[in-house]
Amino acid sequence: MSPAQNVQTKKKKKLTKAEVDVNRALTYLRLRQYRRGLKLLISRRSGALKAFSSLVKETVQAEMEIFLRQSDSKFGARKKIEELREFKWDDFLDEMKVHCPLLTSCLLGAVTSKSTGETMT
């Protein structure tokens, strides 16, 4: 049998829907279109959503652990009444954006709309 005949007799394996979804997501990731690739995986595969949620949880816990360990933070534990009276949400939000970016993004996403950005709805 010649190589040309051999190619014709081989059938292409039909991919399952899951394989097609994963291949498309990998294509986006290879093209550095991370948001698009992750969004596709999460929307089509329930296991991907569970894994992503777990990763977000672990990352937020690590951010908070580092944030709370910092002794120079204006918002650490054991504050006196005078210090609480001087509490400013803008300063707190700025510090959270630096030390806990994923947590801040999640919280802002929960209380804002796409059109308002970072203002409360």
PDB file of N, CA and C in Angstrom:
ATOM      1  N   MET A   1       0.837  -1.170   0.000  1.00  0.00           N
ATOM      2  CA  MET A   1       0.000   0.000   0.000  1.00  0.00           C
ATOM      3  C   MET A   1       0.889   1.242   0.000  1.00  0.00           C
ATOM      4  N   SER A   2       0.586   2.175  -0.867  1.00  0.00           N
ATOM      5  CA  SER A   2       1.380   3.397  -0.977  1.00  0.00           C
ATOM      6  C   SER A   2       1.003   4.355   0.158  1.00  0.00           C
ATOM      7  N   PRO A   3       1.905   5.298   0.463  1.00  0.00           N
ATOM      8  CA  PRO A   3       1.600   6.261   1.526  1.00  0.00           C
ATOM      9  C   PRO A   3       0.340   7.070   1.235  1.00  0.00           C
ATOM     10  N   ALA A   4       0.076   7.373  -0.010  1.00  0.00           N
ATOM     11  CA  ALA A   4      -1.123   8.139  -0.355  1.00  0.00           C
ATOM     12  C   ALA A   4      -2.385   7.347  -0.032  1.00  0.00           C
ATOM     13  N   GLN A   5      -2.362   6.059  -0.303  1.00  0.00           N
ATOM     14  CA  GLN A   5      -3.521   5.219  -0.002  1.00  0.00           C
ATOM     15  C   GLN A   5      -3.698   5.072   1.506  1.00  0.00           C
ATOM     16  N   ASN A   6      -2.585   4.983   2.220  1.00  0.00           N
ATOM     17  CA  ASN A   6      -2.621   4.837   3.673  1.00  0.00           C
ATOM     18  C   ASN A   6      -3.290   6.048   4.319  1.00  0.00           C
ATOM     19  N   VAL A   7      -3.012   7.262   3.829  1.00  0.00           N
ATOM     20  CA  VAL A   7      -3.592   8.483   4.362  1.00  0.00           C
ATOM     21  C   VAL A   7      -5.101   8.482   4.132  1.00  0.00           C
ATOM     22  N   GLN A   8      -5.528   8.019   2.960  1.00  0.00           N
ATOM     23  CA  GLN A   8      -6.942   8.013   2.640  1.00  0.00           C
ATOM     24  C   GLN A   8      -7.721   7.023   3.501  1.00  0.00           C
ATOM     25  N   THR A   9      -7.118   5.918   3.876  1.00  0.00           N
ATOM     26  CA  THR A   9      -7.832   4.907   4.640  1.00  0.00           C
ATOM     27  C   THR A   9      -7.937   5.258   6.119  1.00  0.00           C
ATOM     28  N   LYS A  10      -7.068   6.137   6.615  1.00  0.00           N
ATOM     29  CA  LYS A  10      -7.137   6.545   8.018  1.00  0.00           C
ATOM     30  C   LYS A  10      -8.306   7.495   8.203  1.00  0.00           C
ATOM     31  N   LYS A  11      -9.120   7.225   9.184  1.00  0.00           N
ATOM     32  CA  LYS A  11     -10.234   8.103   9.497  1.00  0.00           C
ATOM     33  C   LYS A  11      -9.837   9.029  10.632  1.00  0.00           C
ATOM     34  N   LYS A  12     -10.295  10.258  10.532  1.00  0.00           N
ATOM     35  CA  LYS A  12     -10.038  11.206  11.622  1.00  0.00           C
ATOM     36  C   LYS A  12     -10.953  10.861  12.782  1.00  0.00           C
ATOM     37  N   LYS A  13     -10.372  10.905  13.958  1.00  0.00           N
ATOM     38  CA  LYS A  13     -11.146  10.632  15.162  1.00  0.00           C
ATOM     39  C   LYS A  13     -12.097  11.796  15.410  1.00  0.00           C
ATOM     40  N   LYS A  14     -13.341  11.497  15.620  1.00  0.00           N
ATOM     41  CA  LYS A  14     -14.334  12.531  15.911  1.00  0.00           C
ATOM     42  C   LYS A  14     -14.185  12.939  17.380  1.00  0.00           C
ATOM     43  N   LEU A  15     -14.017  14.238  17.614  1.00  0.00           N
ATOM     44  CA  LEU A  15     -13.828  14.743  18.974  1.00  0.00           C
ATOM     45  C   LEU A  15     -15.171  14.886  19.676  1.00  0.00           C
ATOM     46  N   THR A  16     -15.143  14.660  20.978  1.00  0.00           N
ATOM     47  CA  THR A  16     -16.346  14.879  21.776  1.00  0.00           C
ATOM     48  C   THR A  16     -16.526  16.376  22.002  1.00  0.00           C
ATOM     49  N   LYS A  17     -17.699  16.777  22.473  1.00  0.00           N
ATOM     50  CA  LYS A  17     -17.970  18.191  22.744  1.00  0.00           C
ATOM     51  C   LYS A  17     -16.995  18.737  23.784  1.00  0.00           C
ATOM     52  N   ALA A  18     -16.710  17.927  24.795  1.00  0.00           N
ATOM     53  CA  ALA A  18     -15.761  18.351  25.835  1.00  0.00           C
ATOM     54  C   ALA A  18     -14.377  18.593  25.235  1.00  0.00           C
ATOM     55  N   GLU A  19     -13.936  17.707  24.357  1.00  0.00           N
ATOM     56  CA  GLU A  19     -12.619  17.861  23.730  1.00  0.00           C
ATOM     57  C   GLU A  19     -12.572  19.096  22.833  1.00  0.00           C
ATOM     58  N   VAL A  20     -13.655  19.361  22.125  1.00  0.00           N
ATOM     59  CA  VAL A  20     -13.727  20.549  21.275  1.00  0.00           C
ATOM     60  C   VAL A  20     -13.645  21.816  22.131  1.00  0.00           C
ATOM     61  N   ASP A  21     -14.397  21.845  23.245  1.00  0.00           N
ATOM     62  CA  ASP A  21     -14.377  23.008  24.148  1.00  0.00           C
ATOM     63  C   ASP A  21     -12.980  23.240  24.709  1.00  0.00           C
ATOM     64  N   VAL A  22     -12.352  22.179  25.165  1.00  0.00           N
ATOM     65  CA  VAL A  22     -11.012  22.300  25.761  1.00  0.00           C
ATOM     66  C   VAL A  22     -10.005  22.735  24.705  1.00  0.00           C
ATOM     67  N   ASN A  23     -10.079  22.179  23.508  1.00  0.00           N
ATOM     68  CA  ASN A  23      -9.149  22.571  22.440  1.00  0.00           C
ATOM     69  C   ASN A  23      -9.314  24.041  22.068  1.00  0.00           C
ATOM     70  N   ARG A  24     -10.559  24.509  22.003  1.00  0.00           N
ATOM     71  CA  ARG A  24     -10.793  25.914  21.678  1.00  0.00           C
ATOM     72  C   ARG A  24     -10.238  26.805  22.794  1.00  0.00           C
ATOM     73  N   ALA A  25     -10.480  26.423  24.047  1.00  0.00           N
ATOM     74  CA  ALA A  25      -9.966  27.207  25.180  1.00  0.00           C
ATOM     75  C   ALA A  25      -8.436  27.231  25.162  1.00  0.00           C
ATOM     76  N   LEU A  26      -7.816  26.101  24.863  1.00  0.00           N
ATOM     77  CA  LEU A  26      -6.351  26.052  24.784  1.00  0.00           C
ATOM     78  C   LEU A  26      -5.825  26.950  23.667  1.00  0.00           C
ATOM     79  N   THR A  27      -6.548  27.009  22.576  1.00  0.00           N
ATOM     80  CA  THR A  27      -6.154  27.897  21.477  1.00  0.00           C
ATOM     81  C   THR A  27      -6.143  29.342  21.964  1.00  0.00           C
ATOM     82  N   TYR A  28      -7.190  29.743  22.674  1.00  0.00           N
ATOM     83  CA  TYR A  28      -7.233  31.104  23.212  1.00  0.00           C
ATOM     84  C   TYR A  28      -6.081  31.348  24.193  1.00  0.00           C
ATOM     85  N   LEU A  29      -5.807  30.376  25.035  1.00  0.00           N
ATOM     86  CA  LEU A  29      -4.722  30.536  26.011  1.00  0.00           C
ATOM     87  C   LEU A  29      -3.375  30.659  25.314  1.00  0.00           C
ATOM     88  N   ARG A  30      -3.161  29.866  24.272  1.00  0.00           N
ATOM     89  CA  ARG A  30      -1.907  29.960  23.515  1.00  0.00           C
ATOM     90  C   ARG A  30      -1.746  31.333  22.866  1.00  0.00           C
ATOM     91  N   LEU A  31      -2.873  31.925  22.491  1.00  0.00           N
ATOM     92  CA  LEU A  31      -2.856  33.257  21.881  1.00  0.00           C
ATOM     93  C   LEU A  31      -2.826  34.371  22.931  1.00  0.00           C
ATOM     94  N   ARG A  32      -2.688  33.986  24.181  1.00  0.00           N
ATOM     95  CA  ARG A  32      -2.646  34.898  25.331  1.00  0.00           C
ATOM     96  C   ARG A  32      -3.949  35.669  25.509  1.00  0.00           C
ATOM     97  N   GLN A  33      -5.037  35.058  25.098  1.00  0.00           N
ATOM     98  CA  GLN A  33      -6.367  35.614  25.328  1.00  0.00           C
ATOM     99  C   GLN A  33      -6.957  34.872  26.529  1.00  0.00           C
ATOM    100  N   TYR A  34      -6.344  35.137  27.699  1.00  0.00           N
ATOM    101  CA  TYR A  34      -6.641  34.371  28.909  1.00  0.00           C
ATOM    102  C   TYR A  34      -8.095  34.516  29.341  1.00  0.00           C
ATOM    103  N   ARG A  35      -8.605  35.737  29.313  1.00  0.00           N
ATOM    104  CA  ARG A  35      -9.985  35.959  29.755  1.00  0.00           C
ATOM    105  C   ARG A  35     -10.950  35.144  28.895  1.00  0.00           C
ATOM    106  N   ARG A  36     -10.746  35.168  27.609  1.00  0.00           N
ATOM    107  CA  ARG A  36     -11.621  34.451  26.689  1.00  0.00           C
ATOM    108  C   ARG A  36     -11.528  32.932  26.894  1.00  0.00           C
ATOM    109  N   GLY A  37     -10.300  32.431  27.051  1.00  0.00           N
ATOM    110  CA  GLY A  37     -10.107  30.996  27.257  1.00  0.00           C
ATOM    111  C   GLY A  37     -10.704  30.510  28.565  1.00  0.00           C
ATOM    112  N   LEU A  38     -10.460  31.254  29.648  1.00  0.00           N
ATOM    113  CA  LEU A  38     -11.004  30.863  30.947  1.00  0.00           C
ATOM    114  C   LEU A  38     -12.520  30.981  30.965  1.00  0.00           C
ATOM    115  N   LYS A  39     -13.046  32.036  30.345  1.00  0.00           N
ATOM    116  CA  LYS A  39     -14.490  32.216  30.304  1.00  0.00           C
ATOM    117  C   LYS A  39     -15.152  31.050  29.564  1.00  0.00           C
ATOM    118  N   LEU A  40     -14.551  30.605  28.479  1.00  0.00           N
ATOM    119  CA  LEU A  40     -15.088  29.469  27.727  1.00  0.00           C
ATOM    120  C   LEU A  40     -15.076  28.204  28.576  1.00  0.00           C
ATOM    121  N   LEU A  41     -13.942  27.931  29.219  1.00  0.00           N
ATOM    122  CA  LEU A  41     -13.859  26.734  30.067  1.00  0.00           C
ATOM    123  C   LEU A  41     -14.888  26.766  31.191  1.00  0.00           C
ATOM    124  N   ILE A  42     -14.982  27.894  31.860  1.00  0.00           N
ATOM    125  CA  ILE A  42     -15.885  28.013  33.008  1.00  0.00           C
ATOM    126  C   ILE A  42     -17.345  27.906  32.579  1.00  0.00           C
ATOM    127  N   SER A  43     -17.674  28.472  31.423  1.00  0.00           N
ATOM    128  CA  SER A  43     -19.068  28.440  30.985  1.00  0.00           C
ATOM    129  C   SER A  43     -19.498  27.064  30.471  1.00  0.00           C
ATOM    130  N   ARG A  44     -18.557  26.266  30.001  1.00  0.00           N
ATOM    131  CA  ARG A  44     -18.908  24.987  29.392  1.00  0.00           C
ATOM    132  C   ARG A  44     -18.596  23.764  30.246  1.00  0.00           C
ATOM    133  N   ARG A  45     -17.719  23.892  31.221  1.00  0.00           N
ATOM    134  CA  ARG A  45     -17.292  22.741  32.010  1.00  0.00           C
ATOM    135  C   ARG A  45     -17.483  23.040  33.488  1.00  0.00           C
ATOM    136  N   SER A  46     -18.345  22.287  34.143  1.00  0.00           N
ATOM    137  CA  SER A  46     -18.628  22.544  35.566  1.00  0.00           C
ATOM    138  C   SER A  46     -17.394  22.292  36.436  1.00  0.00           C
ATOM    139  N   GLY A  47     -16.565  21.367  36.060  1.00  0.00           N
ATOM    140  CA  GLY A  47     -15.342  21.102  36.813  1.00  0.00           C
ATOM    141  C   GLY A  47     -14.386  22.273  36.768  1.00  0.00           C
ATOM    142  N   ALA A  48     -14.370  22.994  35.656  1.00  0.00           N
ATOM    143  CA  ALA A  48     -13.503  24.163  35.534  1.00  0.00           C
ATOM    144  C   ALA A  48     -13.953  25.261  36.487  1.00  0.00           C
ATOM    145  N   LEU A  49     -15.263  25.436  36.622  1.00  0.00           N
ATOM    146  CA  LEU A  49     -15.782  26.442  37.554  1.00  0.00           C
ATOM    147  C   LEU A  49     -15.409  26.086  38.989  1.00  0.00           C
ATOM    148  N   LYS A  50     -15.525  24.825  39.352  1.00  0.00           N
ATOM    149  CA  LYS A  50     -15.157  24.395  40.709  1.00  0.00           C
ATOM    150  C   LYS A  50     -13.673  24.618  40.959  1.00  0.00           C
ATOM    151  N   ALA A  51     -12.841  24.277  39.974  1.00  0.00           N
ATOM    152  CA  ALA A  51     -11.391  24.467  40.121  1.00  0.00           C
ATOM    153  C   ALA A  51     -11.044  25.949  40.219  1.00  0.00           C
ATOM    154  N   PHE A  52     -11.684  26.777  39.387  1.00  0.00           N
ATOM    155  CA  PHE A  52     -11.427  28.215  39.410  1.00  0.00           C
ATOM    156  C   PHE A  52     -11.855  28.811  40.749  1.00  0.00           C
ATOM    157  N   SER A  53     -13.010  28.406  41.252  1.00  0.00           N
ATOM    158  CA  SER A  53     -13.498  28.894  42.547  1.00  0.00           C
ATOM    159  C   SER A  53     -12.539  28.517  43.667  1.00  0.00           C
ATOM    160  N   SER A  54     -12.046  27.309  43.615  1.00  0.00           N
ATOM    161  CA  SER A  54     -11.088  26.852  44.620  1.00  0.00           C
ATOM    162  C   SER A  54      -9.800  27.666  44.555  1.00  0.00           C
ATOM    163  N   LEU A  55      -9.330  27.940  43.344  1.00  0.00           N
ATOM    164  CA  LEU A  55      -8.118  28.729  43.171  1.00  0.00           C
ATOM    165  C   LEU A  55      -8.305  30.159  43.670  1.00  0.00           C
ATOM    166  N   VAL A  56      -9.457  30.756  43.391  1.00  0.00           N
ATOM    167  CA  VAL A  56      -9.745  32.106  43.876  1.00  0.00           C
ATOM    168  C   VAL A  56      -9.762  32.115  45.406  1.00  0.00           C
ATOM    169  N   LYS A  57     -10.416  31.119  45.999  1.00  0.00           N
ATOM    170  CA  LYS A  57     -10.485  31.026  47.463  1.00  0.00           C
ATOM    171  C   LYS A  57      -9.085  30.946  48.067  1.00  0.00           C
ATOM    172  N   GLU A  58      -8.241  30.083  47.525  1.00  0.00           N
ATOM    173  CA  GLU A  58      -6.876  29.932  48.046  1.00  0.00           C
ATOM    174  C   GLU A  58      -6.076  31.218  47.889  1.00  0.00           C
ATOM    175  N   THR A  59      -6.242  31.883  46.754  1.00  0.00           N
ATOM    176  CA  THR A  59      -5.506  33.121  46.496  1.00  0.00           C
ATOM    177  C   THR A  59      -5.954  34.234  47.444  1.00  0.00           C
ATOM    178  N   VAL A  60      -7.262  34.362  47.664  1.00  0.00           N
ATOM    179  CA  VAL A  60      -7.784  35.385  48.573  1.00  0.00           C
ATOM    180  C   VAL A  60      -7.324  35.110  50.003  1.00  0.00           C
ATOM    181  N   GLN A  61      -7.330  33.850  50.410  1.00  0.00           N
ATOM    182  CA  GLN A  61      -6.852  33.510  51.751  1.00  0.00           C
ATOM    183  C   GLN A  61      -5.379  33.887  51.917  1.00  0.00           C
ATOM    184  N   ALA A  62      -4.584  33.634  50.895  1.00  0.00           N
ATOM    185  CA  ALA A  62      -3.156  33.980  50.960  1.00  0.00           C
ATOM    186  C   ALA A  62      -2.973  35.498  51.004  1.00  0.00           C
ATOM    187  N   GLU A  63      -3.760  36.235  50.205  1.00  0.00           N
ATOM    188  CA  GLU A  63      -3.684  37.694  50.225  1.00  0.00           C
ATOM    189  C   GLU A  63      -4.022  38.233  51.610  1.00  0.00           C
ATOM    190  N   MET A  64      -5.089  37.729  52.204  1.00  0.00           N
ATOM    191  CA  MET A  64      -5.503  38.207  53.521  1.00  0.00           C
ATOM    192  C   MET A  64      -4.486  37.857  54.604  1.00  0.00           C
ATOM    193  N   GLU A  65      -3.905  36.678  54.504  1.00  0.00           N
ATOM    194  CA  GLU A  65      -2.901  36.270  55.484  1.00  0.00           C
ATOM    195  C   GLU A  65      -1.720  37.240  55.464  1.00  0.00           C
ATOM    196  N   ILE A  66      -1.261  37.598  54.284  1.00  0.00           N
ATOM    197  CA  ILE A  66      -0.150  38.542  54.155  1.00  0.00           C
ATOM    198  C   ILE A  66      -0.577  39.928  54.643  1.00  0.00           C
ATOM    199  N   PHE A  67      -1.767  40.354  54.254  1.00  0.00           N
ATOM    200  CA  PHE A  67      -2.273  41.676  54.637  1.00  0.00           C
ATOM    201  C   PHE A  67      -2.382  41.814  56.155  1.00  0.00           C
ATOM    202  N   LEU A  68      -2.921  40.805  56.814  1.00  0.00           N
ATOM    203  CA  LEU A  68      -3.128  40.877  58.261  1.00  0.00           C
ATOM    204  C   LEU A  68      -1.827  40.762  59.044  1.00  0.00           C
ATOM    205  N   ARG A  69      -0.798  40.159  58.446  1.00  0.00           N
ATOM    206  CA  ARG A  69       0.495  40.017  59.112  1.00  0.00           C
ATOM    207  C   ARG A  69       1.299  41.310  59.099  1.00  0.00           C
ATOM    208  N   GLN A  70       0.946  42.225  58.227  1.00  0.00           N
ATOM    209  CA  GLN A  70       1.728  43.450  58.101  1.00  0.00           C
ATOM    210  C   GLN A  70       1.507  44.346  59.313  1.00  0.00           C
ATOM    211  N   SER A  71       2.572  44.656  59.968  1.00  0.00           N
ATOM    212  CA  SER A  71       2.462  45.481  61.171  1.00  0.00           C
ATOM    213  C   SER A  71       2.272  46.962  60.828  1.00  0.00           C
ATOM    214  N   ASP A  72       2.671  47.368  59.639  1.00  0.00           N
ATOM    215  CA  ASP A  72       2.567  48.783  59.278  1.00  0.00           C
ATOM    216  C   ASP A  72       1.188  49.161  58.727  1.00  0.00           C
ATOM    217  N   SER A  73       0.301  48.211  58.621  1.00  0.00           N
ATOM    218  CA  SER A  73      -1.032  48.493  58.096  1.00  0.00           C
ATOM    219  C   SER A  73      -1.818  49.366  59.071  1.00  0.00           C
ATOM    220  N   LYS A  74      -2.522  50.338  58.537  1.00  0.00           N
ATOM    221  CA  LYS A  74      -3.371  51.201  59.360  1.00  0.00           C
ATOM    222  C   LYS A  74      -4.628  50.478  59.823  1.00  0.00           C
ATOM    223  N   PHE A  75      -4.869  49.291  59.252  1.00  0.00           N
ATOM    224  CA  PHE A  75      -6.132  48.611  59.490  1.00  0.00           C
ATOM    225  C   PHE A  75      -5.970  47.253  60.161  1.00  0.00           C
ATOM    226  N   GLY A  76      -4.849  47.038  60.796  1.00  0.00           N
ATOM    227  CA  GLY A  76      -4.636  45.777  61.491  1.00  0.00           C
ATOM    228  C   GLY A  76      -5.467  45.690  62.765  1.00  0.00           C
ATOM    229  N   ALA A  77      -5.261  44.639  63.495  1.00  0.00           N
ATOM    230  CA  ALA A  77      -6.021  44.407  64.730  1.00  0.00           C
ATOM    231  C   ALA A  77      -5.558  45.355  65.839  1.00  0.00           C
ATOM    232  N   ARG A  78      -6.308  45.342  66.948  1.00  0.00           N
ATOM    233  CA  ARG A  78      -5.987  46.100  68.169  1.00  0.00           C
ATOM    234  C   ARG A  78      -5.924  47.607  67.950  1.00  0.00           C
ATOM    235  N   LYS A  79      -6.935  48.130  67.351  1.00  0.00           N
ATOM    236  CA  LYS A  79      -6.992  49.579  67.155  1.00  0.00           C
ATOM    237  C   LYS A  79      -7.755  50.216  68.305  1.00  0.00           C
ATOM    238  N   LYS A  80      -7.366  51.416  68.642  1.00  0.00           N
ATOM    239  CA  LYS A  80      -8.032  52.166  69.715  1.00  0.00           C
ATOM    240  C   LYS A  80      -9.204  52.950  69.126  1.00  0.00           C
ATOM    241  N   ILE A  81     -10.067  53.437  70.006  1.00  0.00           N
ATOM    242  CA  ILE A  81     -11.261  54.187  69.597  1.00  0.00           C
ATOM    243  C   ILE A  81     -10.885  55.398  68.739  1.00  0.00           C
ATOM    244  N   GLU A  82      -9.844  56.098  69.126  1.00  0.00           N
ATOM    245  CA  GLU A  82      -9.432  57.276  68.366  1.00  0.00           C
ATOM    246  C   GLU A  82      -9.039  56.899  66.939  1.00  0.00           C
ATOM    247  N   GLU A  83      -8.343  55.800  66.814  1.00  0.00           N
ATOM    248  CA  GLU A  83      -7.936  55.348  65.484  1.00  0.00           C
ATOM    249  C   GLU A  83      -9.142  54.924  64.655  1.00  0.00           C
ATOM    250  N   LEU A  84     -10.136  54.312  65.277  1.00  0.00           N
ATOM    251  CA  LEU A  84     -11.343  53.912  64.562  1.00  0.00           C
ATOM    252  C   LEU A  84     -12.152  55.114  64.100  1.00  0.00           C
ATOM    253  N   ARG A  85     -12.119  56.177  64.887  1.00  0.00           N
ATOM    254  CA  ARG A  85     -12.837  57.399  64.508  1.00  0.00           C
ATOM    255  C   ARG A  85     -12.222  58.032  63.258  1.00  0.00           C
ATOM    256  N   GLU A  86     -10.938  57.842  63.086  1.00  0.00           N
ATOM    257  CA  GLU A  86     -10.229  58.402  61.937  1.00  0.00           C
ATOM    258  C   GLU A  86     -10.238  57.468  60.726  1.00  0.00           C
ATOM    259  N   PHE A  87     -10.970  56.374  60.827  1.00  0.00           N
ATOM    260  CA  PHE A  87     -11.040  55.387  59.750  1.00  0.00           C
ATOM    261  C   PHE A  87     -11.582  56.023  58.474  1.00  0.00           C
ATOM    262  N   LYS A  88     -10.902  55.788  57.349  1.00  0.00           N
ATOM    263  CA  LYS A  88     -11.338  56.320  56.060  1.00  0.00           C
ATOM    264  C   LYS A  88     -11.445  55.174  55.067  1.00  0.00           C
ATOM    265  N   TRP A  89     -12.639  55.014  54.510  1.00  0.00           N
ATOM    266  CA  TRP A  89     -12.877  53.923  53.556  1.00  0.00           C
ATOM    267  C   TRP A  89     -12.009  54.060  52.315  1.00  0.00           C
ATOM    268  N   ASP A  90     -11.757  55.267  51.843  1.00  0.00           N
ATOM    269  CA  ASP A  90     -10.926  55.450  50.654  1.00  0.00           C
ATOM    270  C   ASP A  90      -9.509  54.933  50.893  1.00  0.00           C
ATOM    271  N   ASP A  91      -8.950  55.240  52.075  1.00  0.00           N
ATOM    272  CA  ASP A  91      -7.617  54.748  52.408  1.00  0.00           C
ATOM    273  C   ASP A  91      -7.613  53.227  52.505  1.00  0.00           C
ATOM    274  N   PHE A  92      -8.658  52.684  53.125  1.00  0.00           N
ATOM    275  CA  PHE A  92      -8.768  51.240  53.280  1.00  0.00           C
ATOM    276  C   PHE A  92      -8.834  50.561  51.905  1.00  0.00           C
ATOM    277  N   LEU A  93      -9.655  51.097  51.018  1.00  0.00           N
ATOM    278  CA  LEU A  93      -9.800  50.525  49.685  1.00  0.00           C
ATOM    279  C   LEU A  93      -8.482  50.599  48.909  1.00  0.00           C
ATOM    280  N   ASP A  94      -7.771  51.711  49.031  1.00  0.00           N
ATOM    281  CA  ASP A  94      -6.472  51.844  48.356  1.00  0.00           C
ATOM    282  C   ASP A  94      -5.481  50.791  48.860  1.00  0.00           C
ATOM    283  N   GLU A  95      -5.456  50.586  50.178  1.00  0.00           N
ATOM    284  CA  GLU A  95      -4.548  49.593  50.750  1.00  0.00           C
ATOM    285  C   GLU A  95      -4.952  48.175  50.331  1.00  0.00           C
ATOM    286  N   MET A  96      -6.240  47.912  50.274  1.00  0.00           N
ATOM    287  CA  MET A  96      -6.719  46.589  49.851  1.00  0.00           C
ATOM    288  C   MET A  96      -6.381  46.319  48.386  1.00  0.00           C
ATOM    289  N   LYS A  97      -6.473  47.338  47.544  1.00  0.00           N
ATOM    290  CA  LYS A  97      -6.133  47.171  46.122  1.00  0.00           C
ATOM    291  C   LYS A  97      -4.675  46.752  45.954  1.00  0.00           C
ATOM    292  N   VAL A  98      -3.818  47.264  46.811  1.00  0.00           N
ATOM    293  CA  VAL A  98      -2.391  46.939  46.726  1.00  0.00           C
ATOM    294  C   VAL A  98      -2.107  45.543  47.269  1.00  0.00           C
ATOM    295  N   HIS A  99      -2.651  45.230  48.438  1.00  0.00           N
ATOM    296  CA  HIS A  99      -2.293  43.988  49.119  1.00  0.00           C
ATOM    297  C   HIS A  99      -3.227  42.815  48.829  1.00  0.00           C
ATOM    298  N   CYS A 100      -4.447  43.079  48.437  1.00  0.00           N
ATOM    299  CA  CYS A 100      -5.437  42.015  48.176  1.00  0.00           C
ATOM    300  C   CYS A 100      -6.182  42.303  46.872  1.00  0.00           C
ATOM    301  N   PRO A 101      -5.476  42.295  45.743  1.00  0.00           N
ATOM    302  CA  PRO A 101      -6.129  42.694  44.487  1.00  0.00           C
ATOM    303  C   PRO A 101      -7.270  41.774  44.059  1.00  0.00           C
ATOM    304  N   LEU A 102      -7.140  40.473  44.260  1.00  0.00           N
ATOM    305  CA  LEU A 102      -8.205  39.567  43.840  1.00  0.00           C
ATOM    306  C   LEU A 102      -9.442  39.728  44.712  1.00  0.00           C
ATOM    307  N   LEU A 103      -9.252  39.826  46.014  1.00  0.00           N
ATOM    308  CA  LEU A 103     -10.375  40.041  46.920  1.00  0.00           C
ATOM    309  C   LEU A 103     -11.074  41.356  46.603  1.00  0.00           C
ATOM    310  N   THR A 104     -10.307  42.408  46.389  1.00  0.00           N
ATOM    311  CA  THR A 104     -10.880  43.715  46.068  1.00  0.00           C
ATOM    312  C   THR A 104     -11.678  43.645  44.769  1.00  0.00           C
ATOM    313  N   SER A 105     -11.127  42.982  43.787  1.00  0.00           N
ATOM    314  CA  SER A 105     -11.823  42.845  42.504  1.00  0.00           C
ATOM    315  C   SER A 105     -13.137  42.085  42.667  1.00  0.00           C
ATOM    316  N   CYS A 106     -13.118  41.016  43.451  1.00  0.00           N
ATOM    317  CA  CYS A 106     -14.344  40.240  43.696  1.00  0.00           C
ATOM    318  C   CYS A 106     -15.395  41.078  44.415  1.00  0.00           C
ATOM    319  N   LEU A 107     -14.979  41.800  45.448  1.00  0.00           N
ATOM    320  CA  LEU A 107     -15.925  42.621  46.213  1.00  0.00           C
ATOM    321  C   LEU A 107     -16.495  43.758  45.373  1.00  0.00           C
ATOM    322  N   LEU A 108     -15.636  44.421  44.607  1.00  0.00           N
ATOM    323  CA  LEU A 108     -16.120  45.504  43.753  1.00  0.00           C
ATOM    324  C   LEU A 108     -17.052  44.963  42.671  1.00  0.00           C
ATOM    325  N   GLY A 109     -16.738  43.804  42.154  1.00  0.00           N
ATOM    326  CA  GLY A 109     -17.599  43.188  41.153  1.00  0.00           C
ATOM    327  C   GLY A 109     -18.967  42.837  41.708  1.00  0.00           C
ATOM    328  N   ALA A 110     -19.015  42.500  42.981  1.00  0.00           N
ATOM    329  CA  ALA A 110     -20.286  42.129  43.612  1.00  0.00           C
ATOM    330  C   ALA A 110     -21.180  43.331  43.893  1.00  0.00           C
ATOM    331  N   VAL A 111     -20.593  44.497  44.108  1.00  0.00           N
ATOM    332  CA  VAL A 111     -21.397  45.662  44.502  1.00  0.00           C
ATOM    333  C   VAL A 111     -21.483  46.745  43.431  1.00  0.00           C
ATOM    334  N   THR A 112     -20.880  46.533  42.288  1.00  0.00           N
ATOM    335  CA  THR A 112     -20.953  47.508  41.207  1.00  0.00           C
ATOM    336  C   THR A 112     -21.522  46.855  39.958  1.00  0.00           C
ATOM    337  N   SER A 113     -21.892  47.682  39.007  1.00  0.00           N
ATOM    338  CA  SER A 113     -22.356  47.159  37.725  1.00  0.00           C
ATOM    339  C   SER A 113     -21.293  47.450  36.676  1.00  0.00           C
ATOM    340  N   LYS A 114     -21.438  46.840  35.511  1.00  0.00           N
ATOM    341  CA  LYS A 114     -20.459  47.076  34.448  1.00  0.00           C
ATOM    342  C   LYS A 114     -20.429  48.543  34.051  1.00  0.00           C
ATOM    343  N   SER A 115     -21.557  49.187  34.044  1.00  0.00           N
ATOM    344  CA  SER A 115     -21.623  50.574  33.590  1.00  0.00           C
ATOM    345  C   SER A 115     -21.083  51.562  34.622  1.00  0.00           C
ATOM    346  N   THR A 116     -21.194  51.235  35.920  1.00  0.00           N
ATOM    347  CA  THR A 116     -20.759  52.187  36.942  1.00  0.00           C
ATOM    348  C   THR A 116     -19.304  52.021  37.325  1.00  0.00           C
ATOM    349  N   GLY A 117     -18.681  50.907  36.978  1.00  0.00           N
ATOM    350  CA  GLY A 117     -17.269  50.710  37.302  1.00  0.00           C
ATOM    351  C   GLY A 117     -17.067  50.499  38.776  1.00  0.00           C
ATOM    352  N   GLU A 118     -16.425  51.463  39.442  1.00  0.00           N
ATOM    353  CA  GLU A 118     -16.116  51.294  40.859  1.00  0.00           C
ATOM    354  C   GLU A 118     -17.053  52.070  41.765  1.00  0.00           C
ATOM    355  N   THR A 119     -18.169  52.563  41.259  1.00  0.00           N
ATOM    356  CA  THR A 119     -19.117  53.234  42.124  1.00  0.00           C
ATOM    357  C   THR A 119     -20.245  52.277  42.482  1.00  0.00           C
ATOM    358  N   MET A 120     -20.822  52.474  43.635  1.00  0.00           N
ATOM    359  CA  MET A 120     -21.886  51.600  44.112  1.00  0.00           C
ATOM    360  C   MET A 120     -23.113  51.757  43.238  1.00  0.00           C
ATOM    361  N   THR A 121     -23.823  50.633  43.042  1.00  0.00           N
ATOM    362  CA  THR A 121     -25.040  50.682  42.231  1.00  0.00           C
ATOM    363  C   THR A 121     -26.226  51.110  43.062  1.00  0.00           C
TER     364      THR A 121
END
